[in-house]
Amino acid sequence: MIRKANLNGNQNLGVAICSTDKAAIVPSNLSEAMENLIENTLGVPTIRTPIGGSNLAGALSAGNSNGFVVSPFTLDSEIEAIKESGIEVERLPDKFTAVGNIVLANDNGAIVNPLLSDKSLEIIRDVLDVEIKQGSIAKFKITGSVAVATNKGVLAHPSTTEDEIEFIEDVMKVPADIGTVNKGIRLVGACAVANSNGVVVGMDTTGPELARIEEALGFLEGYL
């Protein structure tokens, strides 16, 4: 299922929301209507909590069905809010706070920023329980911003090369394709929220963009 929505007038949904096949971390001030749309489209419960005191959970966390990795500045109370949902979560110790921007993951693999420390790689490997590869997408190290991955497919920045597509497919074990959202925005990971059940994109996303998203992420039944 594909739906179009804005978050308080903001179309950068992937910056504010982090979703897996088990749960979605959403801003504390999310409206009830938007929360219902997220839960119905993605088919998962929501966890209302800031990350590091910020409502930008999509930029500050990343995860898969096995757990979440989050900003080093995530508060103990925020960690507990996630753990109360029965989901494992750990802070990454590096100086990079925008974890969601530098980790692209699904249940099969993760592509992460080449500058992450060995300690952070160990934590990601342990929490997400997947093979990790360090690399770039479309020559960007912010892999989580330039692509969105589910257990059915990956949508990547339109400048992603054929070699990078092969790399993504090898690591994530799903088909990958290129595309944009919100009338040509290339940072698809920052603008879309998706899991294996559905995807939510901004209201400005065009028909051709939706068709490409349908194909890349495996949602061919249409959008609302």
N, C-alpha and C. Protein backbone atom coordinates (compact mmCIF):
# COMPACT_ATOMS: atom_id res chain seq x y z
N MET A 1 0.84 -1.19 0.00
CA MET A 1 0.00 0.00 0.00
C MET A 1 0.88 1.25 0.00
N ILE A 2 0.53 2.20 -0.85
CA ILE A 2 1.23 3.48 -0.89
C ILE A 2 0.25 4.59 -0.56
N ARG A 3 0.66 5.45 0.34
CA ARG A 3 -0.15 6.62 0.69
C ARG A 3 0.69 7.88 0.62
N LYS A 4 0.01 8.99 0.34
CA LYS A 4 0.67 10.29 0.32
C LYS A 4 0.18 11.10 1.52
N ALA A 5 1.13 11.77 2.19
CA ALA A 5 0.77 12.58 3.36
C ALA A 5 1.89 13.57 3.64
N ASN A 6 1.57 14.59 4.38
CA ASN A 6 2.56 15.52 4.90
C ASN A 6 2.54 15.46 6.41
N LEU A 7 3.67 15.81 7.01
CA LEU A 7 3.79 15.82 8.46
C LEU A 7 3.88 17.26 8.93
N ASN A 8 2.76 17.81 9.38
CA ASN A 8 2.71 19.22 9.78
C ASN A 8 3.25 20.12 8.68
N GLY A 9 2.88 19.81 7.43
CA GLY A 9 3.31 20.60 6.29
C GLY A 9 4.67 20.22 5.74
N ASN A 10 5.34 19.29 6.40
CA ASN A 10 6.69 18.87 5.99
C ASN A 10 6.60 17.57 5.21
N GLN A 11 7.28 17.52 4.06
CA GLN A 11 7.24 16.32 3.24
C GLN A 11 8.44 15.40 3.46
N ASN A 12 9.36 15.79 4.33
CA ASN A 12 10.55 14.96 4.60
C ASN A 12 10.22 13.91 5.67
N LEU A 13 9.34 12.99 5.32
CA LEU A 13 8.82 12.03 6.28
C LEU A 13 9.91 11.10 6.82
N GLY A 14 10.88 10.76 5.98
CA GLY A 14 11.94 9.85 6.41
C GLY A 14 12.88 10.45 7.42
N VAL A 15 12.88 11.76 7.56
CA VAL A 15 13.69 12.42 8.58
C VAL A 15 13.02 12.31 9.95
N ALA A 16 11.70 12.27 9.96
CA ALA A 16 10.95 12.30 11.22
C ALA A 16 10.56 10.92 11.73
N ILE A 17 10.46 9.93 10.85
CA ILE A 17 9.92 8.62 11.22
C ILE A 17 10.88 7.51 10.79
N CYS A 18 11.11 6.56 11.68
CA CYS A 18 11.94 5.39 11.38
C CYS A 18 11.07 4.15 11.50
N SER A 19 10.94 3.39 10.42
CA SER A 19 10.06 2.24 10.43
C SER A 19 10.79 0.95 10.07
N THR A 20 10.37 -0.13 10.70
CA THR A 20 10.81 -1.48 10.35
C THR A 20 9.56 -2.34 10.20
N ASP A 21 9.75 -3.64 10.02
CA ASP A 21 8.60 -4.54 9.93
C ASP A 21 8.01 -4.85 11.30
N LYS A 22 8.61 -4.33 12.38
CA LYS A 22 8.10 -4.57 13.72
C LYS A 22 7.48 -3.34 14.37
N ALA A 23 8.00 -2.15 14.05
CA ALA A 23 7.51 -0.94 14.71
C ALA A 23 7.97 0.30 13.95
N ALA A 24 7.34 1.43 14.27
CA ALA A 24 7.74 2.72 13.72
C ALA A 24 7.94 3.70 14.86
N ILE A 25 9.12 4.31 14.93
CA ILE A 25 9.38 5.37 15.90
C ILE A 25 8.89 6.67 15.29
N VAL A 26 7.99 7.36 16.01
CA VAL A 26 7.36 8.57 15.48
C VAL A 26 7.51 9.71 16.47
N PRO A 27 7.37 10.96 16.01
CA PRO A 27 7.48 12.11 16.91
C PRO A 27 6.42 12.08 18.02
N SER A 28 6.79 12.60 19.16
CA SER A 28 5.86 12.65 20.29
C SER A 28 4.64 13.50 20.00
N ASN A 29 4.82 14.52 19.15
CA ASN A 29 3.71 15.43 18.86
C ASN A 29 2.94 15.05 17.60
N LEU A 30 3.10 13.81 17.14
CA LEU A 30 2.40 13.36 15.94
C LEU A 30 0.89 13.40 16.17
N SER A 31 0.14 13.88 15.18
CA SER A 31 -1.31 13.93 15.31
C SER A 31 -1.88 12.52 15.31
N GLU A 32 -3.04 12.37 15.91
CA GLU A 32 -3.68 11.05 15.96
C GLU A 32 -4.00 10.55 14.55
N ALA A 33 -4.41 11.47 13.68
CA ALA A 33 -4.74 11.08 12.30
C ALA A 33 -3.51 10.56 11.57
N MET A 34 -2.38 11.24 11.75
CA MET A 34 -1.16 10.80 11.09
C MET A 34 -0.65 9.49 11.69
N GLU A 35 -0.80 9.34 13.00
CA GLU A 35 -0.40 8.09 13.64
C GLU A 35 -1.23 6.93 13.09
N ASN A 36 -2.53 7.13 12.92
CA ASN A 36 -3.39 6.09 12.37
C ASN A 36 -3.00 5.75 10.94
N LEU A 37 -2.66 6.78 10.16
CA LEU A 37 -2.25 6.55 8.78
C LEU A 37 -0.96 5.73 8.73
N ILE A 38 0.00 6.05 9.59
CA ILE A 38 1.26 5.31 9.64
C ILE A 38 1.01 3.86 10.03
N GLU A 39 0.22 3.66 11.08
CA GLU A 39 -0.05 2.29 11.55
C GLU A 39 -0.81 1.48 10.51
N ASN A 40 -1.79 2.09 9.85
CA ASN A 40 -2.59 1.36 8.88
C ASN A 40 -1.82 1.06 7.60
N THR A 41 -0.97 2.00 7.18
CA THR A 41 -0.22 1.82 5.94
C THR A 41 0.93 0.84 6.13
N LEU A 42 1.66 1.00 7.23
CA LEU A 42 2.84 0.17 7.46
C LEU A 42 2.52 -1.11 8.22
N GLY A 43 1.35 -1.18 8.81
CA GLY A 43 0.92 -2.40 9.50
C GLY A 43 1.72 -2.72 10.75
N VAL A 44 2.22 -1.69 11.43
CA VAL A 44 3.01 -1.89 12.64
C VAL A 44 2.58 -0.89 13.71
N PRO A 45 2.82 -1.21 14.99
CA PRO A 45 2.54 -0.25 16.04
C PRO A 45 3.55 0.88 16.03
N THR A 46 3.15 2.02 16.55
CA THR A 46 4.06 3.17 16.65
C THR A 46 4.62 3.29 18.06
N ILE A 47 5.83 3.83 18.14
CA ILE A 47 6.47 4.15 19.40
C ILE A 47 6.67 5.66 19.43
N ARG A 48 5.93 6.33 20.30
CA ARG A 48 6.04 7.79 20.39
C ARG A 48 7.20 8.14 21.34
N THR A 49 8.28 8.61 20.78
CA THR A 49 9.39 9.05 21.62
C THR A 49 10.34 9.94 20.83
N PRO A 50 10.90 10.95 21.47
CA PRO A 50 11.99 11.68 20.82
C PRO A 50 13.23 10.78 20.79
N ILE A 51 14.21 11.17 20.03
CA ILE A 51 15.54 10.55 20.05
C ILE A 51 16.54 11.67 20.29
N GLY A 52 17.24 11.60 21.39
CA GLY A 52 18.15 12.68 21.75
C GLY A 52 17.42 13.99 21.96
N GLY A 53 16.17 13.91 22.43
CA GLY A 53 15.38 15.12 22.66
C GLY A 53 14.80 15.72 21.40
N SER A 54 14.99 15.07 20.26
CA SER A 54 14.54 15.60 18.97
C SER A 54 13.42 14.74 18.40
N ASN A 55 12.54 15.37 17.64
CA ASN A 55 11.47 14.64 16.97
C ASN A 55 11.88 14.14 15.59
N LEU A 56 13.19 14.07 15.32
CA LEU A 56 13.69 13.62 14.03
C LEU A 56 14.20 12.18 14.14
N ALA A 57 13.29 11.28 14.51
CA ALA A 57 13.68 9.88 14.72
C ALA A 57 14.23 9.23 13.47
N GLY A 58 13.72 9.62 12.31
CA GLY A 58 14.20 9.02 11.07
C GLY A 58 15.65 9.34 10.79
N ALA A 59 16.09 10.52 11.19
CA ALA A 59 17.48 10.92 10.98
C ALA A 59 18.40 10.39 12.07
N LEU A 60 17.85 10.09 13.24
CA LEU A 60 18.67 9.75 14.39
C LEU A 60 18.63 8.27 14.76
N SER A 61 17.92 7.46 13.98
CA SER A 61 17.85 6.03 14.27
C SER A 61 17.72 5.24 12.99
N ALA A 62 18.10 3.97 13.07
CA ALA A 62 17.96 3.04 11.94
C ALA A 62 17.70 1.67 12.52
N GLY A 63 17.08 0.78 11.73
CA GLY A 63 16.81 -0.53 12.29
C GLY A 63 16.26 -1.52 11.29
N ASN A 64 15.96 -2.69 11.81
CA ASN A 64 15.26 -3.73 11.06
C ASN A 64 14.41 -4.52 12.05
N SER A 65 13.94 -5.69 11.66
CA SER A 65 13.05 -6.45 12.54
C SER A 65 13.71 -6.90 13.83
N ASN A 66 15.03 -6.86 13.87
CA ASN A 66 15.75 -7.32 15.06
C ASN A 66 16.02 -6.23 16.09
N GLY A 67 15.95 -4.97 15.68
CA GLY A 67 16.20 -3.91 16.64
C GLY A 67 16.52 -2.58 15.98
N PHE A 68 16.86 -1.60 16.84
CA PHE A 68 17.22 -0.27 16.38
C PHE A 68 18.60 0.11 16.89
N VAL A 69 19.35 0.87 16.09
CA VAL A 69 20.55 1.56 16.56
C VAL A 69 20.26 3.05 16.50
N VAL A 70 20.74 3.78 17.51
CA VAL A 70 20.32 5.18 17.66
C VAL A 70 21.50 6.09 17.97
N SER A 71 21.23 7.37 17.91
CA SER A 71 22.21 8.41 18.20
C SER A 71 22.87 8.21 19.56
N PRO A 72 24.15 8.56 19.69
CA PRO A 72 24.81 8.45 20.99
C PRO A 72 24.19 9.35 22.06
N PHE A 73 23.42 10.34 21.64
CA PHE A 73 22.81 11.27 22.59
C PHE A 73 21.39 10.87 23.00
N THR A 74 20.97 9.68 22.61
CA THR A 74 19.65 9.19 23.00
C THR A 74 19.57 9.04 24.52
N LEU A 75 18.52 9.58 25.11
CA LEU A 75 18.36 9.57 26.56
C LEU A 75 17.95 8.19 27.07
N ASP A 76 18.25 7.93 28.33
CA ASP A 76 17.87 6.65 28.93
C ASP A 76 16.36 6.44 28.84
N SER A 77 15.58 7.50 29.07
CA SER A 77 14.13 7.38 29.03
C SER A 77 13.64 7.01 27.63
N GLU A 78 14.34 7.50 26.62
CA GLU A 78 13.97 7.19 25.24
C GLU A 78 14.34 5.74 24.91
N ILE A 79 15.47 5.30 25.40
CA ILE A 79 15.86 3.90 25.23
C ILE A 79 14.81 2.99 25.87
N GLU A 80 14.37 3.35 27.06
CA GLU A 80 13.37 2.53 27.76
C GLU A 80 12.05 2.51 27.02
N ALA A 81 11.67 3.64 26.41
CA ALA A 81 10.40 3.69 25.66
C ALA A 81 10.41 2.69 24.50
N ILE A 82 11.56 2.52 23.88
CA ILE A 82 11.68 1.56 22.79
C ILE A 82 11.71 0.14 23.34
N LYS A 83 12.47 -0.06 24.40
CA LYS A 83 12.58 -1.40 24.98
C LYS A 83 11.25 -1.89 25.55
N GLU A 84 10.41 -0.98 26.00
CA GLU A 84 9.09 -1.36 26.51
C GLU A 84 8.23 -2.03 25.44
N SER A 85 8.58 -1.79 24.18
CA SER A 85 7.86 -2.43 23.08
C SER A 85 8.45 -3.79 22.74
N GLY A 86 9.41 -4.23 23.55
CA GLY A 86 10.02 -5.53 23.34
C GLY A 86 11.04 -5.55 22.22
N ILE A 87 11.61 -4.39 21.91
CA ILE A 87 12.55 -4.26 20.80
C ILE A 87 13.93 -3.88 21.32
N GLU A 88 14.95 -4.56 20.83
CA GLU A 88 16.32 -4.26 21.25
C GLU A 88 16.76 -2.93 20.65
N VAL A 89 17.53 -2.18 21.42
CA VAL A 89 18.03 -0.89 20.94
C VAL A 89 19.36 -0.59 21.61
N GLU A 90 20.30 -0.03 20.84
CA GLU A 90 21.61 0.34 21.37
C GLU A 90 22.07 1.64 20.74
N ARG A 91 22.79 2.43 21.51
CA ARG A 91 23.42 3.65 20.99
C ARG A 91 24.68 3.30 20.20
N LEU A 92 24.95 4.08 19.16
CA LEU A 92 26.23 3.99 18.49
C LEU A 92 27.17 5.02 19.11
N PRO A 93 28.40 4.65 19.41
CA PRO A 93 29.29 5.54 20.17
C PRO A 93 30.02 6.59 19.34
N ASP A 94 29.91 6.56 18.03
CA ASP A 94 30.68 7.47 17.19
C ASP A 94 30.20 8.91 17.30
N LYS A 95 30.97 9.81 16.69
CA LYS A 95 30.63 11.23 16.67
C LYS A 95 29.46 11.51 15.72
N PHE A 96 29.13 10.54 14.87
CA PHE A 96 28.05 10.73 13.91
C PHE A 96 26.71 10.54 14.61
N THR A 97 25.98 11.63 14.79
CA THR A 97 24.72 11.55 15.53
C THR A 97 23.54 11.15 14.65
N ALA A 98 23.61 11.48 13.36
CA ALA A 98 22.50 11.21 12.46
C ALA A 98 22.58 9.77 11.95
N VAL A 99 22.31 8.82 12.84
CA VAL A 99 22.47 7.40 12.53
C VAL A 99 21.59 6.99 11.36
N GLY A 100 20.38 7.53 11.29
CA GLY A 100 19.48 7.18 10.20
C GLY A 100 19.98 7.62 8.84
N ASN A 101 20.85 8.63 8.82
CA ASN A 101 21.39 9.11 7.56
C ASN A 101 22.55 8.26 7.04
N ILE A 102 23.18 7.49 7.92
CA ILE A 102 24.41 6.80 7.54
C ILE A 102 24.30 5.28 7.63
N VAL A 103 23.11 4.77 7.94
CA VAL A 103 22.88 3.33 7.99
C VAL A 103 21.65 3.00 7.15
N LEU A 104 21.82 2.16 6.14
CA LEU A 104 20.71 1.65 5.34
C LEU A 104 20.60 0.16 5.64
N ALA A 105 19.44 -0.27 6.13
CA ALA A 105 19.34 -1.66 6.59
C ALA A 105 17.98 -2.26 6.25
N ASN A 106 17.99 -3.57 6.05
CA ASN A 106 16.78 -4.37 6.07
C ASN A 106 17.10 -5.64 6.86
N ASP A 107 16.28 -6.66 6.77
CA ASP A 107 16.51 -7.87 7.57
C ASP A 107 17.62 -8.75 7.01
N ASN A 108 18.16 -8.37 5.85
CA ASN A 108 19.18 -9.19 5.19
C ASN A 108 20.58 -8.61 5.25
N GLY A 109 20.69 -7.28 5.33
CA GLY A 109 22.01 -6.67 5.30
C GLY A 109 21.95 -5.19 5.63
N ALA A 110 23.12 -4.56 5.70
CA ALA A 110 23.20 -3.14 5.98
C ALA A 110 24.38 -2.54 5.21
N ILE A 111 24.16 -1.38 4.62
CA ILE A 111 25.21 -0.61 3.96
C ILE A 111 25.41 0.66 4.77
N VAL A 112 26.63 0.86 5.26
CA VAL A 112 26.87 1.94 6.21
C VAL A 112 28.02 2.82 5.78
N ASN A 113 28.08 4.00 6.38
CA ASN A 113 29.14 4.97 6.13
C ASN A 113 30.52 4.36 6.36
N PRO A 114 31.44 4.53 5.41
CA PRO A 114 32.78 3.94 5.56
C PRO A 114 33.58 4.47 6.75
N LEU A 115 33.15 5.60 7.32
CA LEU A 115 33.90 6.22 8.42
C LEU A 115 33.48 5.71 9.80
N LEU A 116 32.48 4.85 9.86
CA LEU A 116 32.06 4.33 11.16
C LEU A 116 33.15 3.48 11.79
N SER A 117 33.25 3.57 13.10
CA SER A 117 34.30 2.84 13.83
C SER A 117 33.99 1.35 13.91
N ASP A 118 35.02 0.58 14.24
CA ASP A 118 34.85 -0.85 14.42
C ASP A 118 33.85 -1.15 15.53
N LYS A 119 33.84 -0.32 16.58
CA LYS A 119 32.90 -0.53 17.67
C LYS A 119 31.46 -0.36 17.21
N SER A 120 31.22 0.68 16.41
CA SER A 120 29.88 0.90 15.89
C SER A 120 29.46 -0.23 14.95
N LEU A 121 30.38 -0.69 14.13
CA LEU A 121 30.08 -1.81 13.24
C LEU A 121 29.71 -3.05 14.04
N GLU A 122 30.40 -3.28 15.13
CA GLU A 122 30.11 -4.43 15.98
C GLU A 122 28.71 -4.33 16.57
N ILE A 123 28.34 -3.13 17.03
CA ILE A 123 27.02 -2.93 17.62
C ILE A 123 25.93 -3.13 16.56
N ILE A 124 26.13 -2.55 15.39
CA ILE A 124 25.15 -2.72 14.31
C ILE A 124 24.99 -4.19 13.97
N ARG A 125 26.10 -4.89 13.86
CA ARG A 125 26.06 -6.31 13.52
C ARG A 125 25.33 -7.11 14.60
N ASP A 126 25.59 -6.79 15.86
CA ASP A 126 24.97 -7.53 16.95
C ASP A 126 23.47 -7.24 17.07
N VAL A 127 23.10 -5.95 16.97
CA VAL A 127 21.70 -5.56 17.19
C VAL A 127 20.83 -5.93 15.99
N LEU A 128 21.31 -5.63 14.79
CA LEU A 128 20.50 -5.88 13.60
C LEU A 128 20.66 -7.31 13.08
N ASP A 129 21.74 -7.98 13.52
CA ASP A 129 21.99 -9.38 13.17
C ASP A 129 22.02 -9.58 11.66
N VAL A 130 22.82 -8.75 10.98
CA VAL A 130 22.95 -8.84 9.53
C VAL A 130 24.41 -8.65 9.12
N GLU A 131 24.70 -9.03 7.88
CA GLU A 131 25.99 -8.72 7.28
C GLU A 131 26.08 -7.22 7.02
N ILE A 132 27.24 -6.64 7.29
CA ILE A 132 27.44 -5.21 7.08
C ILE A 132 28.49 -4.99 6.02
N LYS A 133 28.22 -4.04 5.13
CA LYS A 133 29.21 -3.59 4.16
C LYS A 133 29.32 -2.07 4.26
N GLN A 134 30.54 -1.58 4.30
CA GLN A 134 30.77 -0.14 4.26
C GLN A 134 30.88 0.30 2.81
N GLY A 135 30.21 1.38 2.47
CA GLY A 135 30.24 1.83 1.09
C GLY A 135 29.43 3.09 0.90
N SER A 136 29.29 3.49 -0.35
CA SER A 136 28.54 4.68 -0.69
C SER A 136 27.49 4.33 -1.74
N ILE A 137 26.53 5.22 -1.89
CA ILE A 137 25.48 5.08 -2.90
C ILE A 137 25.39 6.40 -3.64
N ALA A 138 25.48 6.36 -4.96
CA ALA A 138 25.51 7.57 -5.78
C ALA A 138 26.65 8.48 -5.34
N LYS A 139 27.73 7.86 -4.88
CA LYS A 139 28.94 8.55 -4.40
C LYS A 139 28.71 9.30 -3.09
N PHE A 140 27.58 9.07 -2.43
CA PHE A 140 27.29 9.68 -1.13
C PHE A 140 27.52 8.65 -0.02
N LYS A 141 28.10 9.12 1.08
CA LYS A 141 28.31 8.24 2.24
C LYS A 141 27.09 8.20 3.15
N ILE A 142 26.12 9.08 2.89
CA ILE A 142 24.89 9.11 3.69
C ILE A 142 23.89 8.11 3.10
N THR A 143 24.23 6.84 3.25
CA THR A 143 23.47 5.78 2.58
C THR A 143 22.00 5.74 3.00
N GLY A 144 21.73 6.08 4.26
CA GLY A 144 20.35 6.06 4.73
C GLY A 144 19.51 7.20 4.20
N SER A 145 20.17 8.28 3.74
CA SER A 145 19.44 9.42 3.18
C SER A 145 19.15 9.26 1.70
N VAL A 146 20.04 8.56 0.99
CA VAL A 146 19.91 8.48 -0.47
C VAL A 146 19.21 7.21 -0.93
N ALA A 147 18.75 6.39 0.00
CA ALA A 147 18.02 5.18 -0.37
C ALA A 147 17.07 4.79 0.74
N VAL A 148 16.03 4.06 0.37
CA VAL A 148 15.10 3.49 1.36
C VAL A 148 14.98 2.00 1.05
N ALA A 149 15.14 1.18 2.08
CA ALA A 149 15.20 -0.27 1.89
C ALA A 149 14.13 -0.97 2.71
N THR A 150 13.54 -2.00 2.12
CA THR A 150 12.63 -2.90 2.84
C THR A 150 13.06 -4.33 2.54
N ASN A 151 12.31 -5.28 3.04
CA ASN A 151 12.60 -6.68 2.74
C ASN A 151 12.05 -7.12 1.39
N LYS A 152 11.51 -6.15 0.63
CA LYS A 152 10.99 -6.44 -0.70
C LYS A 152 11.74 -5.71 -1.81
N GLY A 153 12.43 -4.61 -1.46
CA GLY A 153 13.12 -3.85 -2.49
C GLY A 153 13.82 -2.63 -1.94
N VAL A 154 14.60 -1.97 -2.80
CA VAL A 154 15.32 -0.75 -2.44
C VAL A 154 15.08 0.30 -3.51
N LEU A 155 14.75 1.50 -3.08
CA LEU A 155 14.65 2.66 -3.97
C LEU A 155 15.84 3.57 -3.66
N ALA A 156 16.62 3.89 -4.70
CA ALA A 156 17.86 4.63 -4.48
C ALA A 156 17.90 5.91 -5.31
N HIS A 157 18.77 6.80 -4.89
CA HIS A 157 19.08 8.07 -5.56
C HIS A 157 19.24 7.83 -7.07
N PRO A 158 18.71 8.73 -7.92
CA PRO A 158 18.76 8.50 -9.37
C PRO A 158 20.16 8.48 -9.98
N SER A 159 21.16 8.98 -9.25
CA SER A 159 22.53 8.93 -9.76
C SER A 159 23.26 7.65 -9.39
N THR A 160 22.57 6.73 -8.74
CA THR A 160 23.18 5.45 -8.38
C THR A 160 23.59 4.70 -9.65
N THR A 161 24.83 4.23 -9.69
CA THR A 161 25.34 3.56 -10.88
C THR A 161 24.90 2.10 -10.93
N GLU A 162 25.08 1.48 -12.08
CA GLU A 162 24.74 0.06 -12.22
C GLU A 162 25.57 -0.80 -11.27
N ASP A 163 26.85 -0.46 -11.12
CA ASP A 163 27.69 -1.20 -10.18
C ASP A 163 27.18 -1.06 -8.76
N GLU A 164 26.72 0.14 -8.39
CA GLU A 164 26.19 0.35 -7.05
C GLU A 164 24.87 -0.39 -6.85
N ILE A 165 24.05 -0.44 -7.91
CA ILE A 165 22.81 -1.21 -7.83
C ILE A 165 23.13 -2.68 -7.56
N GLU A 166 24.11 -3.22 -8.25
CA GLU A 166 24.52 -4.60 -8.02
C GLU A 166 25.03 -4.80 -6.59
N PHE A 167 25.78 -3.80 -6.10
CA PHE A 167 26.28 -3.85 -4.73
C PHE A 167 25.13 -3.86 -3.73
N ILE A 168 24.15 -2.97 -3.93
CA ILE A 168 22.99 -2.91 -3.05
C ILE A 168 22.24 -4.23 -3.05
N GLU A 169 22.01 -4.77 -4.22
CA GLU A 169 21.26 -6.03 -4.32
C GLU A 169 22.02 -7.19 -3.69
N ASP A 170 23.33 -7.17 -3.79
CA ASP A 170 24.14 -8.23 -3.20
C ASP A 170 24.07 -8.19 -1.68
N VAL A 171 24.10 -6.97 -1.11
CA VAL A 171 24.08 -6.83 0.35
C VAL A 171 22.68 -7.01 0.92
N MET A 172 21.70 -6.36 0.29
CA MET A 172 20.34 -6.33 0.84
C MET A 172 19.50 -7.54 0.42
N LYS A 173 19.97 -8.27 -0.59
CA LYS A 173 19.31 -9.50 -1.05
C LYS A 173 17.89 -9.26 -1.57
N VAL A 174 17.67 -8.07 -2.15
CA VAL A 174 16.39 -7.74 -2.77
C VAL A 174 16.66 -6.91 -4.02
N PRO A 175 15.69 -6.81 -4.94
CA PRO A 175 15.88 -5.97 -6.13
C PRO A 175 16.02 -4.50 -5.74
N ALA A 176 16.76 -3.74 -6.55
CA ALA A 176 16.94 -2.31 -6.31
C ALA A 176 16.70 -1.54 -7.60
N ASP A 177 16.21 -0.31 -7.47
CA ASP A 177 15.99 0.55 -8.62
C ASP A 177 16.18 1.99 -8.17
N ILE A 178 16.19 2.90 -9.14
CA ILE A 178 16.39 4.31 -8.82
C ILE A 178 15.08 5.06 -8.95
N GLY A 179 15.00 6.24 -8.33
CA GLY A 179 13.80 7.06 -8.42
C GLY A 179 13.91 8.32 -7.59
N THR A 180 12.85 9.09 -7.60
CA THR A 180 12.77 10.32 -6.81
C THR A 180 11.41 10.38 -6.12
N VAL A 181 11.25 11.34 -5.22
CA VAL A 181 9.97 11.60 -4.56
C VAL A 181 9.74 13.11 -4.53
N ASN A 182 8.51 13.50 -4.22
CA ASN A 182 8.20 14.92 -4.00
C ASN A 182 8.65 15.83 -5.15
N LYS A 183 8.28 15.44 -6.37
CA LYS A 183 8.60 16.23 -7.58
C LYS A 183 10.10 16.38 -7.79
N GLY A 184 10.82 15.26 -7.74
CA GLY A 184 12.22 15.29 -8.12
C GLY A 184 13.24 15.31 -7.01
N ILE A 185 12.80 15.19 -5.76
CA ILE A 185 13.76 15.15 -4.65
C ILE A 185 14.51 13.83 -4.71
N ARG A 186 15.86 13.92 -4.67
CA ARG A 186 16.69 12.74 -4.87
C ARG A 186 17.04 12.02 -3.57
N LEU A 187 16.91 12.69 -2.44
CA LEU A 187 17.21 12.05 -1.15
C LEU A 187 16.00 11.24 -0.71
N VAL A 188 15.79 10.13 -1.38
CA VAL A 188 14.57 9.35 -1.18
C VAL A 188 14.47 8.78 0.23
N GLY A 189 15.60 8.46 0.85
CA GLY A 189 15.56 7.94 2.20
C GLY A 189 15.12 8.97 3.22
N ALA A 190 15.39 10.24 2.94
CA ALA A 190 15.00 11.31 3.85
C ALA A 190 13.54 11.71 3.67
N CYS A 191 12.95 11.28 2.57
CA CYS A 191 11.60 11.75 2.24
C CYS A 191 10.53 10.68 2.26
N ALA A 192 10.92 9.41 2.38
CA ALA A 192 9.94 8.33 2.35
C ALA A 192 10.06 7.46 3.60
N VAL A 193 8.94 6.91 4.05
CA VAL A 193 8.92 5.95 5.16
C VAL A 193 8.33 4.66 4.62
N ALA A 194 9.05 3.56 4.78
CA ALA A 194 8.57 2.32 4.17
C ALA A 194 8.97 1.10 4.98
N ASN A 195 8.18 0.05 4.85
CA ASN A 195 8.56 -1.30 5.29
C ASN A 195 7.95 -2.29 4.31
N SER A 196 7.93 -3.55 4.65
CA SER A 196 7.45 -4.56 3.71
C SER A 196 5.95 -4.47 3.46
N ASN A 197 5.23 -3.73 4.30
CA ASN A 197 3.78 -3.64 4.18
C ASN A 197 3.31 -2.43 3.39
N GLY A 198 4.10 -1.37 3.38
CA GLY A 198 3.64 -0.16 2.72
C GLY A 198 4.69 0.93 2.72
N VAL A 199 4.32 2.06 2.14
CA VAL A 199 5.21 3.21 2.06
C VAL A 199 4.38 4.48 2.11
N VAL A 200 4.91 5.50 2.80
CA VAL A 200 4.27 6.81 2.87
C VAL A 200 5.24 7.83 2.30
N VAL A 201 4.76 8.63 1.34
CA VAL A 201 5.57 9.66 0.71
C VAL A 201 4.83 10.99 0.77
N GLY A 202 5.54 12.07 0.46
CA GLY A 202 4.96 13.40 0.51
C GLY A 202 3.86 13.63 -0.52
N MET A 203 3.03 14.62 -0.24
CA MET A 203 1.87 14.91 -1.09
C MET A 203 2.29 15.35 -2.50
N ASP A 204 3.48 15.91 -2.66
CA ASP A 204 3.91 16.39 -3.97
C ASP A 204 4.43 15.28 -4.87
N THR A 205 4.53 14.07 -4.37
CA THR A 205 5.04 12.96 -5.17
C THR A 205 4.12 12.74 -6.38
N THR A 206 4.73 12.68 -7.56
CA THR A 206 3.96 12.63 -8.80
C THR A 206 3.57 11.20 -9.18
N GLY A 207 2.68 11.09 -10.16
CA GLY A 207 2.26 9.79 -10.64
C GLY A 207 3.41 8.94 -11.15
N PRO A 208 4.28 9.48 -12.02
CA PRO A 208 5.43 8.69 -12.47
C PRO A 208 6.35 8.27 -11.33
N GLU A 209 6.52 9.15 -10.34
CA GLU A 209 7.34 8.78 -9.18
C GLU A 209 6.69 7.64 -8.40
N LEU A 210 5.39 7.72 -8.23
CA LEU A 210 4.68 6.66 -7.51
C LEU A 210 4.80 5.33 -8.23
N ALA A 211 4.74 5.36 -9.56
CA ALA A 211 4.86 4.13 -10.33
C ALA A 211 6.24 3.50 -10.13
N ARG A 212 7.27 4.33 -10.10
CA ARG A 212 8.62 3.82 -9.88
C ARG A 212 8.77 3.27 -8.46
N ILE A 213 8.18 3.95 -7.49
CA ILE A 213 8.22 3.47 -6.10
C ILE A 213 7.50 2.13 -5.99
N GLU A 214 6.32 2.03 -6.64
CA GLU A 214 5.58 0.76 -6.66
C GLU A 214 6.45 -0.39 -7.14
N GLU A 215 7.14 -0.14 -8.24
CA GLU A 215 7.95 -1.19 -8.84
C GLU A 215 9.16 -1.52 -7.98
N ALA A 216 9.86 -0.48 -7.49
CA ALA A 216 11.09 -0.71 -6.73
C ALA A 216 10.82 -1.38 -5.39
N LEU A 217 9.76 -0.99 -4.72
CA LEU A 217 9.50 -1.50 -3.37
C LEU A 217 8.44 -2.60 -3.34
N GLY A 218 7.91 -2.96 -4.50
CA GLY A 218 7.03 -4.12 -4.55
C GLY A 218 5.60 -3.88 -4.14
N PHE A 219 5.12 -2.64 -4.31
CA PHE A 219 3.74 -2.32 -3.95
C PHE A 219 2.95 -2.04 -5.22
N LEU A 220 2.55 -3.06 -5.90
CA LEU A 220 1.91 -2.91 -7.20
C LEU A 220 0.40 -2.82 -7.11
N GLU A 221 -0.13 -2.88 -5.87
CA GLU A 221 -1.59 -2.86 -5.74
C GLU A 221 -2.16 -1.46 -5.78
N GLY A 222 -1.28 -0.43 -5.85
CA GLY A 222 -1.78 0.93 -5.98
C GLY A 222 -1.57 1.77 -4.75
N TYR A 223 -2.05 3.00 -4.81
CA TYR A 223 -1.86 3.94 -3.71
C TYR A 223 -3.14 4.71 -3.45
N LEU A 224 -3.18 5.32 -2.26
CA LEU A 224 -4.34 6.12 -1.88
C LEU A 224 -3.90 7.53 -1.55
